Amino acid sequence: MKYHVITLGCQMNLSDSERVTTVLDQMGYTYTENEDEAQVVGILACSVRQKAIDKVYSRIHKWNKRKDKDNLITFLSGCILPSDKEKFLKLFDIVFQMSELQKLPEIISQYGIVTPAALKQEFSFGVNNELSTFWNIDPKYASKFEAYIPIQNGCDKFCTFCAVPYTRGREVSRPSNEIISEVERLVLAGYKSITLLGQNVNSYGLDKKGEEISFAQLLDAIGQVGDKYPNKKFWVYYTSPHPRDMTNDVIDVMAQYQCIAKQVHLPVQSGDDKMLIKMNRKHTMQTYHGIIDYIRLKMPEATIFTDIIVGFTGETDEQYANTKKAVADIKYNMAYIAMYSQRPGAVSSRWADDISMEVKKQRHHDLTQELGKHTEVYNKMLVGKTVDVLVTHPDRKDGFLSGHNEGKQVIRFASNDHTLIGNFVKVKITSSTPFSMQGELLKVHQSVDLKLV
């Protein structure tokens, strides 16, 4: 039998899907890119955005029509609100929590029997002990050179615009020894980019005080893995930290180790203190600027990314202007700017969405233009310099390959040699745009025999 899995949402769902793939492979099923020839089809859903939920409805209606002529088993898991789960129980054969993944073979063998945990309508905020079993499932990595490692699950921050605490529960930290072992295994297998995942990675260990190490100590242990294998070049990233828990010792450790990439993605969401209170972000712009200043003191070469929401409920012109000023002052290397939309389940979904779409689009465009002014200046400074680039895929432009430098900035260069994908090369930057750069290939920096993990 063949199976097909669709993954929606963030990198955490992508990481989860790699463990789902492992379980289905071990059951003897074969993955297929063509969902129409699969006998088992599933979705890792995301209730955080309504568009993702709309995609789930579209797909399950298509699959249920197929059942008129084909034998088909459908399943659903991922990041789902209880209210959405209740509706999907009537549409999918199997609905299960990701922590129940180890039970999937038994569930499928019974075909269509929904698990007791999925039937619960109430939402549990307790620690799910089954997560430890889930994390012990070896993932079937989607890439041979880039990997995502979950280090925690859930969120305790309860930002008013976000539904994640209601879909994934409270924060639970994965045992550090498992994380460090997975990093070392990937390094030995020739992986070049490793990303630590969590809703708030820098609150790692806070749920197990006295029993587990801190996030800074975890990074230190991972840095020591890099020192242990000096001939293995790799970059370690993490996403996303929360400003409230961003401590100087995390930045100190980043500056200390070569393998920990000098790139920080620190979501600000708004540059206005009153708006941050309304968002329940629990940080001020003064404390945020202090973090940025310390990053630049300890790692002047570091690139800084962020997330910003424009048009949040009640955002005034003055409050938006403060966000624009923050972009101008901090001079981000990249900002993921979103126009606010209500998330079912989030606190703000009860409030009026009172900023018109016209105003949201105008602010989005205006802020993107402001961001581009500063990224363009930074990128132009790299013209003429030689940088290490991890080649990740063929570029959209024929005859070019694309990748990124340590700072996660997009760089492309002329080459048809697809064997370079998954390797580091040296590229001399020849030109730049506000959001990308182009260069000339000089040489392959390092060639490592890639092995499947």
Foldseek 3Di string as FASTA:
>chain_A
DEEEEAEDDDVVSVQLVLLLVLVCVVVVHHYDPDHVPGQEYEYAFALFDVVRVVVVVVVLVVVVVCVVPGNHAYEYEHQDFLVSLVVCLVRHLEYDYSLCSVCVVVSVVVTSDYDPVSPDSDFDQDDDPSVQVSLPRDGQAPDLAEEEHEFKWADDQQFQQGQRCRRTHYIDGHALVSVLVVLLVSLVQQHAEYEYEYQAQQCHPVVPPPRHDGSLVSLLSNLVSCVVCVQRHHEYHYDAHALVRDDLSNLVSLLVGPRHFQEHEYAPQFLQQVVCVNRSSPDHNVSVVVSLVSNCVSPVPHAYEYEYEPQQPPQDPVRLVSRLVVCLVSLHLYYHYYYRDHRPNRNSVVPDSPGDPVNSVVSVVVSVVSSLVSLQVVVVVQAQPKFKWAFAACDPDPQKTWTAGSNRAIEMEGHPPPVSHSFIFIWHWHADGSRHTYTYTDGGPDDDNRDGD
